[in-house]
Amino acid sequence: MNRDAVFGALADDSRRALLDRLRKRNGQTLAQLCEGQPITRQAVTKHLKVLEEANLVLVLRRGRERLHYLNPVPIHAVAMRWLKQFDAVRLDALFALKVEKSE
């Protein structure tokens, strides 16, 4: 797994938004992913290509359609690599404080 590709893919707001949409409803076509997006179809296509290259999105063909699926494995691998060195209880407490502060 290329962690640099994963970090690069996750660095963009539009790509994270596409991943969020797939997390909510997996197996969407390009047309479905473009609905309601503030960017062009061409931009969505380019972002999906970056996500595919980072192995964050998997594509399956169904007839003439291409269905896009979220692949959470690379995100999990990165999280385990970086977060396993910290105490989960302390991280949860710090996260809770941050949420309370932002509300």
PDB file of N, CA and C in Angstrom:
ATOM      1  N   MET A   1       0.847  -1.183   0.000  1.00  0.00           N
ATOM      2  CA  MET A   1       0.000   0.000   0.000  1.00  0.00           C
ATOM      3  C   MET A   1       0.890   1.242   0.000  1.00  0.00           C
ATOM      4  N   ASN A   2       0.560   2.187  -0.844  1.00  0.00           N
ATOM      5  CA  ASN A   2       1.304   3.435  -0.925  1.00  0.00           C
ATOM      6  C   ASN A   2       0.636   4.457  -0.001  1.00  0.00           C
ATOM      7  N   ARG A   3       1.222   4.634   1.186  1.00  0.00           N
ATOM      8  CA  ARG A   3       0.632   5.562   2.163  1.00  0.00           C
ATOM      9  C   ARG A   3       0.648   7.000   1.661  1.00  0.00           C
ATOM     10  N   ASP A   4       1.665   7.368   0.882  1.00  0.00           N
ATOM     11  CA  ASP A   4       1.713   8.723   0.335  1.00  0.00           C
ATOM     12  C   ASP A   4       0.516   8.987  -0.566  1.00  0.00           C
ATOM     13  N   ALA A   5       0.130   7.991  -1.364  1.00  0.00           N
ATOM     14  CA  ALA A   5      -1.029   8.136  -2.244  1.00  0.00           C
ATOM     15  C   ALA A   5      -2.309   8.289  -1.418  1.00  0.00           C
ATOM     16  N   VAL A   6      -2.403   7.540  -0.325  1.00  0.00           N
ATOM     17  CA  VAL A   6      -3.584   7.639   0.540  1.00  0.00           C
ATOM     18  C   VAL A   6      -3.652   9.021   1.174  1.00  0.00           C
ATOM     19  N   PHE A   7      -2.531   9.492   1.743  1.00  0.00           N
ATOM     20  CA  PHE A   7      -2.515  10.830   2.348  1.00  0.00           C
ATOM     21  C   PHE A   7      -2.809  11.903   1.306  1.00  0.00           C
ATOM     22  N   GLY A   8      -2.229  11.771   0.130  1.00  0.00           N
ATOM     23  CA  GLY A   8      -2.480  12.739  -0.938  1.00  0.00           C
ATOM     24  C   GLY A   8      -3.940  12.763  -1.344  1.00  0.00           C
ATOM     25  N   ALA A   9      -4.540  11.591  -1.456  1.00  0.00           N
ATOM     26  CA  ALA A   9      -5.945  11.512  -1.842  1.00  0.00           C
ATOM     27  C   ALA A   9      -6.842  12.120  -0.766  1.00  0.00           C
ATOM     28  N   LEU A  10      -6.506  11.879   0.488  1.00  0.00           N
ATOM     29  CA  LEU A  10      -7.322  12.388   1.595  1.00  0.00           C
ATOM     30  C   LEU A  10      -7.115  13.879   1.859  1.00  0.00           C
ATOM     31  N   ALA A  11      -6.091  14.458   1.258  1.00  0.00           N
ATOM     32  CA  ALA A  11      -5.769  15.864   1.520  1.00  0.00           C
ATOM     33  C   ALA A  11      -6.750  16.836   0.883  1.00  0.00           C
ATOM     34  N   ASP A  12      -7.565  16.366  -0.049  1.00  0.00           N
ATOM     35  CA  ASP A  12      -8.465  17.255  -0.785  1.00  0.00           C
ATOM     36  C   ASP A  12      -9.900  17.160  -0.253  1.00  0.00           C
ATOM     37  N   ASP A  13     -10.523  18.311  -0.020  1.00  0.00           N
ATOM     38  CA  ASP A  13     -11.900  18.363   0.491  1.00  0.00           C
ATOM     39  C   ASP A  13     -12.886  17.661  -0.434  1.00  0.00           C
ATOM     40  N   SER A  14     -12.751  17.863  -1.732  1.00  0.00           N
ATOM     41  CA  SER A  14     -13.689  17.265  -2.681  1.00  0.00           C
ATOM     42  C   SER A  14     -13.596  15.744  -2.673  1.00  0.00           C
ATOM     43  N   ARG A  15     -12.391  15.230  -2.555  1.00  0.00           N
ATOM     44  CA  ARG A  15     -12.224  13.772  -2.506  1.00  0.00           C
ATOM     45  C   ARG A  15     -12.787  13.203  -1.210  1.00  0.00           C
ATOM     46  N   ARG A  16     -12.577  13.912  -0.110  1.00  0.00           N
ATOM     47  CA  ARG A  16     -13.158  13.452   1.158  1.00  0.00           C
ATOM     48  C   ARG A  16     -14.677  13.478   1.089  1.00  0.00           C
ATOM     49  N   ALA A  17     -15.230  14.473   0.412  1.00  0.00           N
ATOM     50  CA  ALA A  17     -16.689  14.546   0.252  1.00  0.00           C
ATOM     51  C   ALA A  17     -17.206  13.363  -0.566  1.00  0.00           C
ATOM     52  N   LEU A  18     -16.473  12.978  -1.604  1.00  0.00           N
ATOM     53  CA  LEU A  18     -16.870  11.811  -2.395  1.00  0.00           C
ATOM     54  C   LEU A  18     -16.817  10.540  -1.545  1.00  0.00           C
ATOM     55  N   LEU A  19     -15.781  10.399  -0.727  1.00  0.00           N
ATOM     56  CA  LEU A  19     -15.690   9.240   0.155  1.00  0.00           C
ATOM     57  C   LEU A  19     -16.836   9.227   1.165  1.00  0.00           C
ATOM     58  N   ASP A  20     -17.202  10.393   1.685  1.00  0.00           N
ATOM     59  CA  ASP A  20     -18.333  10.481   2.613  1.00  0.00           C
ATOM     60  C   ASP A  20     -19.627  10.045   1.940  1.00  0.00           C
ATOM     61  N   ARG A  21     -19.806  10.453   0.684  1.00  0.00           N
ATOM     62  CA  ARG A  21     -21.017  10.054  -0.047  1.00  0.00           C
ATOM     63  C   ARG A  21     -21.053   8.544  -0.251  1.00  0.00           C
ATOM     64  N   LEU A  22     -19.896   7.957  -0.545  1.00  0.00           N
ATOM     65  CA  LEU A  22     -19.848   6.507  -0.728  1.00  0.00           C
ATOM     66  C   LEU A  22     -20.028   5.773   0.597  1.00  0.00           C
ATOM     67  N   ARG A  23     -19.566   6.377   1.675  1.00  0.00           N
ATOM     68  CA  ARG A  23     -19.763   5.763   2.992  1.00  0.00           C
ATOM     69  C   ARG A  23     -21.251   5.722   3.327  1.00  0.00           C
ATOM     70  N   LYS A  24     -21.977   6.764   2.961  1.00  0.00           N
ATOM     71  CA  LYS A  24     -23.415   6.816   3.235  1.00  0.00           C
ATOM     72  C   LYS A  24     -24.204   5.891   2.315  1.00  0.00           C
ATOM     73  N   ARG A  25     -23.772   5.820   1.048  1.00  0.00           N
ATOM     74  CA  ARG A  25     -24.457   4.955   0.074  1.00  0.00           C
ATOM     75  C   ARG A  25     -23.428   4.426  -0.911  1.00  0.00           C
ATOM     76  N   ASN A  26     -23.011   3.208  -0.714  1.00  0.00           N
ATOM     77  CA  ASN A  26     -21.974   2.589  -1.520  1.00  0.00           C
ATOM     78  C   ASN A  26     -22.540   2.143  -2.865  1.00  0.00           C
ATOM     79  N   GLY A  27     -21.663   2.004  -3.866  1.00  0.00           N
ATOM     80  CA  GLY A  27     -22.074   1.484  -5.156  1.00  0.00           C
ATOM     81  C   GLY A  27     -22.777   2.496  -6.042  1.00  0.00           C
ATOM     82  N   GLN A  28     -22.250   3.712  -6.116  1.00  0.00           N
ATOM     83  CA  GLN A  28     -22.870   4.749  -6.921  1.00  0.00           C
ATOM     84  C   GLN A  28     -22.181   4.892  -8.272  1.00  0.00           C
ATOM     85  N   THR A  29     -22.954   5.320  -9.255  1.00  0.00           N
ATOM     86  CA  THR A  29     -22.411   5.618 -10.581  1.00  0.00           C
ATOM     87  C   THR A  29     -21.796   7.017 -10.560  1.00  0.00           C
ATOM     88  N   LEU A  30     -21.086   7.342 -11.622  1.00  0.00           N
ATOM     89  CA  LEU A  30     -20.514   8.688 -11.747  1.00  0.00           C
ATOM     90  C   LEU A  30     -21.623   9.735 -11.724  1.00  0.00           C
ATOM     91  N   ALA A  31     -22.703   9.483 -12.443  1.00  0.00           N
ATOM     92  CA  ALA A  31     -23.816  10.444 -12.478  1.00  0.00           C
ATOM     93  C   ALA A  31     -24.379  10.680 -11.082  1.00  0.00           C
ATOM     94  N   GLN A  32     -24.533   9.613 -10.303  1.00  0.00           N
ATOM     95  CA  GLN A  32     -25.046   9.760  -8.943  1.00  0.00           C
ATOM     96  C   GLN A  32     -24.069  10.539  -8.068  1.00  0.00           C
ATOM     97  N   LEU A  33     -22.785  10.285  -8.227  1.00  0.00           N
ATOM     98  CA  LEU A  33     -21.781  11.003  -7.433  1.00  0.00           C
ATOM     99  C   LEU A  33     -21.696  12.475  -7.820  1.00  0.00           C
ATOM    100  N   CYS A  34     -22.062  12.805  -9.045  1.00  0.00           N
ATOM    101  CA  CYS A  34     -22.010  14.196  -9.506  1.00  0.00           C
ATOM    102  C   CYS A  34     -23.199  15.019  -9.023  1.00  0.00           C
ATOM    103  N   GLU A  35     -24.308  14.347  -8.701  1.00  0.00           N
ATOM    104  CA  GLU A  35     -25.521  15.065  -8.281  1.00  0.00           C
ATOM    105  C   GLU A  35     -25.246  15.956  -7.079  1.00  0.00           C
ATOM    106  N   GLY A  36     -25.588  17.226  -7.217  1.00  0.00           N
ATOM    107  CA  GLY A  36     -25.465  18.161  -6.114  1.00  0.00           C
ATOM    108  C   GLY A  36     -24.052  18.590  -5.779  1.00  0.00           C
ATOM    109  N   GLN A  37     -23.086  18.208  -6.590  1.00  0.00           N
ATOM    110  CA  GLN A  37     -21.696  18.589  -6.330  1.00  0.00           C
ATOM    111  C   GLN A  37     -21.424  19.997  -6.866  1.00  0.00           C
ATOM    112  N   PRO A  38     -20.632  20.778  -6.156  1.00  0.00           N
ATOM    113  CA  PRO A  38     -20.297  22.123  -6.616  1.00  0.00           C
ATOM    114  C   PRO A  38     -19.188  22.128  -7.675  1.00  0.00           C
ATOM    115  N   ILE A  39     -18.772  20.945  -8.135  1.00  0.00           N
ATOM    116  CA  ILE A  39     -17.697  20.854  -9.127  1.00  0.00           C
ATOM    117  C   ILE A  39     -18.228  20.145 -10.376  1.00  0.00           C
ATOM    118  N   THR A  40     -17.502  20.270 -11.468  1.00  0.00           N
ATOM    119  CA  THR A  40     -17.936  19.700 -12.736  1.00  0.00           C
ATOM    120  C   THR A  40     -17.796  18.177 -12.757  1.00  0.00           C
ATOM    121  N   ARG A  41     -18.451  17.570 -13.720  1.00  0.00           N
ATOM    122  CA  ARG A  41     -18.354  16.119 -13.906  1.00  0.00           C
ATOM    123  C   ARG A  41     -16.904  15.705 -14.173  1.00  0.00           C
ATOM    124  N   GLN A  42     -16.212  16.526 -14.966  1.00  0.00           N
ATOM    125  CA  GLN A  42     -14.810  16.233 -15.270  1.00  0.00           C
ATOM    126  C   GLN A  42     -13.954  16.257 -14.005  1.00  0.00           C
ATOM    127  N   ALA A  43     -14.235  17.201 -13.116  1.00  0.00           N
ATOM    128  CA  ALA A  43     -13.483  17.290 -11.866  1.00  0.00           C
ATOM    129  C   ALA A  43     -13.775  16.078 -10.979  1.00  0.00           C
ATOM    130  N   VAL A  44     -15.042  15.661 -10.928  1.00  0.00           N
ATOM    131  CA  VAL A  44     -15.398  14.471 -10.147  1.00  0.00           C
ATOM    132  C   VAL A  44     -14.651  13.260 -10.706  1.00  0.00           C
ATOM    133  N   THR A  45     -14.610  13.131 -12.031  1.00  0.00           N
ATOM    134  CA  THR A  45     -13.903  12.022 -12.670  1.00  0.00           C
ATOM    135  C   THR A  45     -12.429  12.024 -12.287  1.00  0.00           C
ATOM    136  N   LYS A  46     -11.787  13.191 -12.302  1.00  0.00           N
ATOM    137  CA  LYS A  46     -10.371  13.287 -11.932  1.00  0.00           C
ATOM    138  C   LYS A  46     -10.161  12.906 -10.467  1.00  0.00           C
ATOM    139  N   HIS A  47     -11.050  13.376  -9.600  1.00  0.00           N
ATOM    140  CA  HIS A  47     -10.935  13.039  -8.174  1.00  0.00           C
ATOM    141  C   HIS A  47     -11.127  11.538  -7.950  1.00  0.00           C
ATOM    142  N   LEU A  48     -12.071  10.937  -8.666  1.00  0.00           N
ATOM    143  CA  LEU A  48     -12.284   9.501  -8.534  1.00  0.00           C
ATOM    144  C   LEU A  48     -11.060   8.717  -8.992  1.00  0.00           C
ATOM    145  N   LYS A  49     -10.397   9.204 -10.029  1.00  0.00           N
ATOM    146  CA  LYS A  49      -9.189   8.528 -10.510  1.00  0.00           C
ATOM    147  C   LYS A  49      -8.103   8.536  -9.429  1.00  0.00           C
ATOM    148  N   VAL A  50      -7.928   9.670  -8.751  1.00  0.00           N
ATOM    149  CA  VAL A  50      -6.948   9.762  -7.658  1.00  0.00           C
ATOM    150  C   VAL A  50      -7.329   8.791  -6.536  1.00  0.00           C
ATOM    151  N   LEU A  51      -8.614   8.731  -6.210  1.00  0.00           N
ATOM    152  CA  LEU A  51      -9.077   7.832  -5.158  1.00  0.00           C
ATOM    153  C   LEU A  51      -8.880   6.366  -5.545  1.00  0.00           C
ATOM    154  N   GLU A  52      -9.102   6.053  -6.817  1.00  0.00           N
ATOM    155  CA  GLU A  52      -8.869   4.684  -7.307  1.00  0.00           C
ATOM    156  C   GLU A  52      -7.388   4.330  -7.231  1.00  0.00           C
ATOM    157  N   GLU A  53      -6.524   5.264  -7.639  1.00  0.00           N
ATOM    158  CA  GLU A  53      -5.079   5.008  -7.612  1.00  0.00           C
ATOM    159  C   GLU A  53      -4.565   4.799  -6.190  1.00  0.00           C
ATOM    160  N   ALA A  54      -5.227   5.429  -5.219  1.00  0.00           N
ATOM    161  CA  ALA A  54      -4.857   5.249  -3.811  1.00  0.00           C
ATOM    162  C   ALA A  54      -5.561   4.029  -3.213  1.00  0.00           C
ATOM    163  N   ASN A  55      -6.338   3.323  -4.023  1.00  0.00           N
ATOM    164  CA  ASN A  55      -7.073   2.125  -3.616  1.00  0.00           C
ATOM    165  C   ASN A  55      -8.149   2.434  -2.573  1.00  0.00           C
ATOM    166  N   LEU A  56      -8.608   3.679  -2.542  1.00  0.00           N
ATOM    167  CA  LEU A  56      -9.672   4.068  -1.619  1.00  0.00           C
ATOM    168  C   LEU A  56     -11.047   3.847  -2.223  1.00  0.00           C
ATOM    169  N   VAL A  57     -11.104   3.760  -3.546  1.00  0.00           N
ATOM    170  CA  VAL A  57     -12.350   3.495  -4.261  1.00  0.00           C
ATOM    171  C   VAL A  57     -12.110   2.328  -5.208  1.00  0.00           C
ATOM    172  N   LEU A  58     -13.029   1.376  -5.170  1.00  0.00           N
ATOM    173  CA  LEU A  58     -12.992   0.240  -6.079  1.00  0.00           C
ATOM    174  C   LEU A  58     -14.128   0.392  -7.076  1.00  0.00           C
ATOM    175  N   VAL A  59     -13.884  -0.009  -8.325  1.00  0.00           N
ATOM    176  CA  VAL A  59     -14.891   0.137  -9.372  1.00  0.00           C
ATOM    177  C   VAL A  59     -15.265  -1.237  -9.909  1.00  0.00           C
ATOM    178  N   LEU A  60     -16.556  -1.466  -9.960  1.00  0.00           N
ATOM    179  CA  LEU A  60     -17.084  -2.688 -10.552  1.00  0.00           C
ATOM    180  C   LEU A  60     -17.988  -2.314 -11.716  1.00  0.00           C
ATOM    181  N   ARG A  61     -17.846  -3.037 -12.802  1.00  0.00           N
ATOM    182  CA  ARG A  61     -18.710  -2.793 -13.959  1.00  0.00           C
ATOM    183  C   ARG A  61     -19.993  -3.613 -13.825  1.00  0.00           C
ATOM    184  N   ARG A  62     -21.092  -2.951 -14.127  1.00  0.00           N
ATOM    185  CA  ARG A  62     -22.400  -3.611 -14.201  1.00  0.00           C
ATOM    186  C   ARG A  62     -23.002  -3.188 -15.528  1.00  0.00           C
ATOM    187  N   GLY A  63     -22.816  -4.048 -16.522  1.00  0.00           N
ATOM    188  CA  GLY A  63     -23.242  -3.671 -17.870  1.00  0.00           C
ATOM    189  C   GLY A  63     -22.398  -2.507 -18.346  1.00  0.00           C
ATOM    190  N   ARG A  64     -23.055  -1.422 -18.719  1.00  0.00           N
ATOM    191  CA  ARG A  64     -22.347  -0.232 -19.187  1.00  0.00           C
ATOM    192  C   ARG A  64     -22.008   0.729 -18.058  1.00  0.00           C
ATOM    193  N   GLU A  65     -22.509   0.439 -16.874  1.00  0.00           N
ATOM    194  CA  GLU A  65     -22.267   1.316 -15.730  1.00  0.00           C
ATOM    195  C   GLU A  65     -21.021   0.894 -14.965  1.00  0.00           C
ATOM    196  N   ARG A  66     -20.409   1.893 -14.360  1.00  0.00           N
ATOM    197  CA  ARG A  66     -19.298   1.648 -13.429  1.00  0.00           C
ATOM    198  C   ARG A  66     -19.792   2.061 -12.049  1.00  0.00           C
ATOM    199  N   LEU A  67     -19.788   1.114 -11.127  1.00  0.00           N
ATOM    200  CA  LEU A  67     -20.222   1.399  -9.764  1.00  0.00           C
ATOM    201  C   LEU A  67     -18.996   1.604  -8.888  1.00  0.00           C
ATOM    202  N   HIS A  68     -19.035   2.658  -8.104  1.00  0.00           N
ATOM    203  CA  HIS A  68     -17.910   3.036  -7.243  1.00  0.00           C
ATOM    204  C   HIS A  68     -18.217   2.627  -5.807  1.00  0.00           C
ATOM    205  N   TYR A  69     -17.244   1.966  -5.193  1.00  0.00           N
ATOM    206  CA  TYR A  69     -17.385   1.477  -3.818  1.00  0.00           C
ATOM    207  C   TYR A  69     -16.226   1.982  -2.968  1.00  0.00           C
ATOM    208  N   LEU A  70     -16.544   2.345  -1.740  1.00  0.00           N
ATOM    209  CA  LEU A  70     -15.533   2.761  -0.781  1.00  0.00           C
ATOM    210  C   LEU A  70     -14.743   1.540  -0.326  1.00  0.00           C
ATOM    211  N   ASN A  71     -13.422   1.679  -0.298  1.00  0.00           N
ATOM    212  CA  ASN A  71     -12.552   0.647   0.252  1.00  0.00           C
ATOM    213  C   ASN A  71     -11.900   1.242   1.505  1.00  0.00           C
ATOM    214  N   PRO A  72     -12.393   0.906   2.697  1.00  0.00           N
ATOM    215  CA  PRO A  72     -11.874   1.514   3.921  1.00  0.00           C
ATOM    216  C   PRO A  72     -10.554   0.912   4.407  1.00  0.00           C
ATOM    217  N   VAL A  73     -10.079  -0.144   3.777  1.00  0.00           N
ATOM    218  CA  VAL A  73      -8.875  -0.834   4.263  1.00  0.00           C
ATOM    219  C   VAL A  73      -7.650   0.088   4.308  1.00  0.00           C
ATOM    220  N   PRO A  74      -7.349   0.867   3.250  1.00  0.00           N
ATOM    221  CA  PRO A  74      -6.170   1.743   3.338  1.00  0.00           C
ATOM    222  C   PRO A  74      -6.282   2.798   4.447  1.00  0.00           C
ATOM    223  N   ILE A  75      -7.474   3.313   4.674  1.00  0.00           N
ATOM    224  CA  ILE A  75      -7.666   4.305   5.740  1.00  0.00           C
ATOM    225  C   ILE A  75      -7.421   3.642   7.096  1.00  0.00           C
ATOM    226  N   HIS A  76      -7.927   2.435   7.253  1.00  0.00           N
ATOM    227  CA  HIS A  76      -7.723   1.698   8.499  1.00  0.00           C
ATOM    228  C   HIS A  76      -6.233   1.411   8.723  1.00  0.00           C
ATOM    229  N   ALA A  77      -5.538   1.019   7.672  1.00  0.00           N
ATOM    230  CA  ALA A  77      -4.109   0.718   7.787  1.00  0.00           C
ATOM    231  C   ALA A  77      -3.323   1.944   8.221  1.00  0.00           C
ATOM    232  N   VAL A  78      -3.648   3.085   7.635  1.00  0.00           N
ATOM    233  CA  VAL A  78      -2.970   4.330   8.012  1.00  0.00           C
ATOM    234  C   VAL A  78      -3.301   4.692   9.454  1.00  0.00           C
ATOM    235  N   ALA A  79      -4.569   4.554   9.817  1.00  0.00           N
ATOM    236  CA  ALA A  79      -4.975   4.879  11.187  1.00  0.00           C
ATOM    237  C   ALA A  79      -4.260   3.984  12.193  1.00  0.00           C
ATOM    238  N   MET A  80      -4.180   2.704  11.893  1.00  0.00           N
ATOM    239  CA  MET A  80      -3.503   1.783  12.816  1.00  0.00           C
ATOM    240  C   MET A  80      -2.012   2.094  12.906  1.00  0.00           C
ATOM    241  N   ARG A  81      -1.419   2.452  11.786  1.00  0.00           N
ATOM    242  CA  ARG A  81       0.017   2.782  11.763  1.00  0.00           C
ATOM    243  C   ARG A  81       0.315   3.999  12.620  1.00  0.00           C
ATOM    244  N   TRP A  82      -0.559   5.018  12.556  1.00  0.00           N
ATOM    245  CA  TRP A  82      -0.279   6.266  13.250  1.00  0.00           C
ATOM    246  C   TRP A  82      -0.933   6.358  14.618  1.00  0.00           C
ATOM    247  N   LEU A  83      -2.089   5.753  14.782  1.00  0.00           N
ATOM    248  CA  LEU A  83      -2.815   5.928  16.038  1.00  0.00           C
ATOM    249  C   LEU A  83      -2.556   4.836  17.064  1.00  0.00           C
ATOM    250  N   LYS A  84      -2.072   3.686  16.625  1.00  0.00           N
ATOM    251  CA  LYS A  84      -1.871   2.596  17.582  1.00  0.00           C
ATOM    252  C   LYS A  84      -0.824   2.945  18.631  1.00  0.00           C
ATOM    253  N   GLN A  85       0.032   3.915  18.320  1.00  0.00           N
ATOM    254  CA  GLN A  85       1.061   4.287  19.281  1.00  0.00           C
ATOM    255  C   GLN A  85       0.530   5.172  20.406  1.00  0.00           C
ATOM    256  N   PHE A  86      -0.723   5.611  20.291  1.00  0.00           N
ATOM    257  CA  PHE A  86      -1.323   6.460  21.311  1.00  0.00           C
ATOM    258  C   PHE A  86      -2.340   5.655  22.118  1.00  0.00           C
ATOM    259  N   ASP A  87      -2.563   6.080  23.306  1.00  0.00           N
ATOM    260  CA  ASP A  87      -3.538   5.435  24.180  1.00  0.00           C
ATOM    261  C   ASP A  87      -4.946   5.821  23.719  1.00  0.00           C
ATOM    262  N   ALA A  88      -5.754   4.838  23.363  1.00  0.00           N
ATOM    263  CA  ALA A  88      -7.098   5.093  22.836  1.00  0.00           C
ATOM    264  C   ALA A  88      -7.976   5.829  23.846  1.00  0.00           C
ATOM    265  N   VAL A  89      -7.856   5.515  25.110  1.00  0.00           N
ATOM    266  CA  VAL A  89      -8.673   6.168  26.128  1.00  0.00           C
ATOM    267  C   VAL A  89      -8.368   7.662  26.167  1.00  0.00           C
ATOM    268  N   ARG A  90      -7.096   8.010  26.132  1.00  0.00           N
ATOM    269  CA  ARG A  90      -6.715   9.430  26.146  1.00  0.00           C
ATOM    270  C   ARG A  90      -7.170  10.131  24.874  1.00  0.00           C
ATOM    271  N   LEU A  91      -7.032   9.476  23.739  1.00  0.00           N
ATOM    272  CA  LEU A  91      -7.487  10.073  22.483  1.00  0.00           C
ATOM    273  C   LEU A  91      -8.989  10.323  22.505  1.00  0.00           C
ATOM    274  N   ASP A  92      -9.760   9.366  23.016  1.00  0.00           N
ATOM    275  CA  ASP A  92     -11.208   9.541  23.120  1.00  0.00           C
ATOM    276  C   ASP A  92     -11.549  10.723  24.011  1.00  0.00           C
ATOM    277  N   ALA A  93     -10.838  10.863  25.125  1.00  0.00           N
ATOM    278  CA  ALA A  93     -11.091  11.974  26.051  1.00  0.00           C
ATOM    279  C   ALA A  93     -10.755  13.310  25.393  1.00  0.00           C
ATOM    280  N   LEU A  94      -9.632  13.378  24.684  1.00  0.00           N
ATOM    281  CA  LEU A  94      -9.266  14.615  23.993  1.00  0.00           C
ATOM    282  C   LEU A  94     -10.258  14.956  22.888  1.00  0.00           C
ATOM    283  N   PHE A  95     -10.709  13.946  22.172  1.00  0.00           N
ATOM    284  CA  PHE A  95     -11.692  14.173  21.116  1.00  0.00           C
ATOM    285  C   PHE A  95     -13.000  14.695  21.711  1.00  0.00           C
ATOM    286  N   ALA A  96     -13.431  14.124  22.820  1.00  0.00           N
ATOM    287  CA  ALA A  96     -14.656  14.568  23.477  1.00  0.00           C
ATOM    288  C   ALA A  96     -14.538  16.034  23.911  1.00  0.00           C
ATOM    289  N   LEU A  97     -13.364  16.419  24.434  1.00  0.00           N
ATOM    290  CA  LEU A  97     -13.150  17.811  24.827  1.00  0.00           C
ATOM    291  C   LEU A  97     -13.231  18.743  23.621  1.00  0.00           C
ATOM    292  N   LYS A  98     -12.649  18.319  22.520  1.00  0.00           N
ATOM    293  CA  LYS A  98     -12.678  19.135  21.311  1.00  0.00           C
ATOM    294  C   LYS A  98     -14.111  19.311  20.801  1.00  0.00           C
ATOM    295  N   VAL A  99     -14.888  18.246  20.829  1.00  0.00           N
ATOM    296  CA  VAL A  99     -16.288  18.318  20.384  1.00  0.00           C
ATOM    297  C   VAL A  99     -17.087  19.245  21.274  1.00  0.00           C
ATOM    298  N   GLU A 100     -16.900  19.123  22.591  1.00  0.00           N
ATOM    299  CA  GLU A 100     -17.614  19.985  23.537  1.00  0.00           C
ATOM    300  C   GLU A 100     -17.241  21.447  23.324  1.00  0.00           C
ATOM    301  N   LYS A 101     -15.970  21.702  23.079  1.00  0.00           N
ATOM    302  CA  LYS A 101     -15.486  23.065  22.895  1.00  0.00           C
ATOM    303  C   LYS A 101     -16.056  23.693  21.622  1.00  0.00           C
ATOM    304  N   SER A 102     -16.216  22.888  20.566  1.00  0.00           N
ATOM    305  CA  SER A 102     -16.686  23.429  19.292  1.00  0.00           C
ATOM    306  C   SER A 102     -18.196  23.649  19.272  1.00  0.00           C
ATOM    307  N   GLU A 103     -18.914  23.045  20.213  1.00  0.00           N
ATOM    308  CA  GLU A 103     -20.378  23.194  20.234  1.00  0.00           C
ATOM    309  C   GLU A 103     -20.823  24.437  20.893  1.00  0.00           C
TER     310      GLU A 103
END
